[in-house]
Amino acid sequence: MLIKCLYLPNAYTIPEITDIVYAMGKAVGCATGVKLKERNENGARKAEGGNRRERKLKTEMKRLRQDIAKAGNELYRRKQKRKATKKEKEIIKHLRTNMNGKEVTPQNLRILKEQWLDKLRY
């Protein structure tokens, strides 16, 4: 009540108070340089990163890039004849599920990596 008496002496209804508080917030935002989120014609916030189809494509591309990197790292590790760490064993398990039951051999990894690269380019 003290704040209302100090800053809102002439505001008696909830809509008046809401409008004044909103205006104060806008003024503070402009003074501090805070950018507002873009909004579409209905007043709702615009979707970050485009429409649903674009977002799905971006997430798919991100996943493909990660899988390609994992396959490349696994091929390099095998080429160096280095023992797999615990984390690398988890990655091998992940690759095995993505290979649809195929054996995780260097040849199969190369083939799968090329398929993922082609899919990413497409």
Protein backbone atom coordinates (compact mmCIF):
# COMPACT_ATOMS: atom_id res chain seq x y z
CA MET A 1 0.00 0.00 0.00
CA LEU A 2 2.93 2.30 0.73
CA ILE A 3 4.23 1.99 -2.82
CA LYS A 4 0.77 2.77 -4.20
CA CYS A 5 0.58 5.92 -2.08
CA LEU A 6 4.05 7.08 -3.14
CA TYR A 7 4.06 6.27 -6.83
CA LEU A 8 0.41 5.82 -7.80
CA PRO A 9 -1.56 8.43 -5.82
CA ASN A 10 -4.26 8.97 -8.48
CA ALA A 11 -4.73 5.38 -9.60
CA TYR A 12 -7.76 3.73 -8.05
CA THR A 13 -8.61 0.82 -10.33
CA ILE A 14 -6.64 -2.27 -11.29
CA PRO A 15 -6.50 -1.36 -15.03
CA GLU A 16 -5.08 2.09 -14.20
CA ILE A 17 -2.44 0.56 -11.92
CA THR A 18 -1.57 -2.06 -14.53
CA ASP A 19 -1.18 0.58 -17.25
CA ILE A 20 1.07 2.74 -15.08
CA VAL A 21 3.26 -0.21 -14.03
CA TYR A 22 3.53 -1.34 -17.66
CA ALA A 23 4.55 2.17 -18.75
CA MET A 24 7.15 2.30 -15.98
CA GLY A 25 8.56 -1.04 -17.11
CA LYS A 26 8.73 0.14 -20.74
CA ALA A 27 10.51 3.33 -19.68
CA VAL A 28 13.06 1.42 -17.63
CA GLY A 29 13.57 -1.03 -20.50
CA CYS A 30 14.17 1.78 -22.99
CA ALA A 31 16.54 3.54 -20.59
CA THR A 32 18.60 0.40 -20.01
CA GLY A 33 18.56 -0.63 -23.68
CA VAL A 34 16.74 -3.94 -23.26
CA LYS A 35 15.51 -5.24 -26.62
CA LEU A 36 11.94 -6.48 -26.91
CA LYS A 37 11.10 -9.80 -28.49
CA GLU A 38 9.65 -9.53 -31.97
CA ARG A 39 5.97 -10.23 -32.26
CA ASN A 40 3.80 -11.36 -35.13
CA GLU A 41 0.56 -9.73 -36.31
CA ASN A 42 -1.50 -11.46 -33.57
CA GLY A 43 0.69 -10.05 -30.82
CA ALA A 44 2.23 -13.42 -29.98
CA ARG A 45 6.00 -13.81 -29.86
CA LYS A 46 7.64 -14.96 -33.08
CA ALA A 47 9.10 -18.42 -33.05
CA GLU A 48 12.86 -18.46 -32.59
CA GLY A 49 14.66 -19.80 -35.64
CA GLY A 50 11.76 -19.82 -38.08
CA ASN A 51 8.80 -22.10 -38.49
CA ARG A 52 8.48 -25.66 -37.22
CA ARG A 53 9.84 -27.26 -40.40
CA GLU A 54 12.96 -25.07 -40.35
CA ARG A 55 13.59 -25.83 -36.68
CA LYS A 56 13.25 -29.57 -37.31
CA LEU A 57 15.69 -29.37 -40.21
CA LYS A 58 18.20 -27.45 -38.10
CA THR A 59 18.02 -29.99 -35.27
CA GLU A 60 18.37 -32.85 -37.75
CA MET A 61 21.42 -31.18 -39.32
CA LYS A 62 22.94 -30.65 -35.88
CA ARG A 63 22.41 -34.31 -34.98
CA LEU A 64 23.92 -35.45 -38.29
CA ARG A 65 27.00 -33.28 -37.76
CA GLN A 66 27.46 -34.73 -34.28
CA ASP A 67 27.08 -38.31 -35.54
CA ILE A 68 29.53 -37.67 -38.39
CA ALA A 69 32.08 -36.30 -35.91
CA LYS A 70 31.59 -39.28 -33.59
CA ALA A 71 32.07 -41.76 -36.44
CA GLY A 72 35.18 -39.92 -37.62
CA ASN A 73 36.64 -39.92 -34.13
CA GLU A 74 35.94 -43.63 -33.75
CA LEU A 75 37.62 -44.38 -37.09
CA TYR A 76 40.66 -42.34 -36.04
CA ARG A 77 40.84 -44.12 -32.67
CA ARG A 78 40.78 -47.49 -34.38
CA LYS A 79 43.41 -46.38 -36.89
CA GLN A 80 45.69 -45.39 -33.99
CA LYS A 81 44.91 -48.76 -32.33
CA ARG A 82 44.10 -47.00 -29.09
CA LYS A 83 41.95 -48.57 -26.40
CA ALA A 84 38.47 -47.02 -26.01
CA THR A 85 37.73 -44.98 -22.90
CA LYS A 86 34.47 -45.24 -20.98
CA LYS A 87 33.04 -42.24 -22.85
CA GLU A 88 34.11 -43.70 -26.21
CA LYS A 89 32.42 -46.98 -25.33
CA GLU A 90 29.17 -45.07 -24.77
CA ILE A 91 29.65 -43.38 -28.15
CA ILE A 92 30.19 -46.80 -29.79
CA LYS A 93 26.95 -47.99 -28.20
CA HIS A 94 25.18 -44.91 -29.61
CA LEU A 95 26.66 -45.55 -33.06
CA ARG A 96 25.59 -49.19 -32.92
CA THR A 97 21.97 -48.15 -32.37
CA ASN A 98 22.21 -45.72 -35.31
CA MET A 99 23.64 -48.46 -37.55
CA ASN A 100 20.44 -50.53 -37.28
CA GLY A 101 22.06 -53.68 -35.96
CA LYS A 102 25.07 -53.73 -38.29
CA GLU A 103 28.43 -54.64 -36.83
CA VAL A 104 30.59 -51.65 -35.88
CA THR A 105 33.54 -52.20 -38.22
CA PRO A 106 35.70 -49.51 -39.80
CA GLN A 107 34.25 -50.29 -43.23
CA ASN A 108 30.65 -50.02 -41.99
CA LEU A 109 31.52 -46.81 -40.13
CA ARG A 110 32.97 -45.28 -43.30
CA ILE A 111 29.89 -46.25 -45.31
CA LEU A 112 27.54 -44.87 -42.67
CA LYS A 113 29.58 -41.67 -42.36
CA GLU A 114 29.34 -41.13 -46.13
CA GLN A 115 25.58 -41.75 -46.03
CA TRP A 116 25.20 -39.16 -43.25
CA LEU A 117 27.32 -36.68 -45.19
CA ASP A 118 25.16 -37.16 -48.27
CA LYS A 119 22.02 -36.71 -46.20
CA LEU A 120 23.46 -33.55 -44.62
CA ARG A 121 24.37 -32.12 -48.03
CA TYR A 122 20.86 -32.85 -49.29
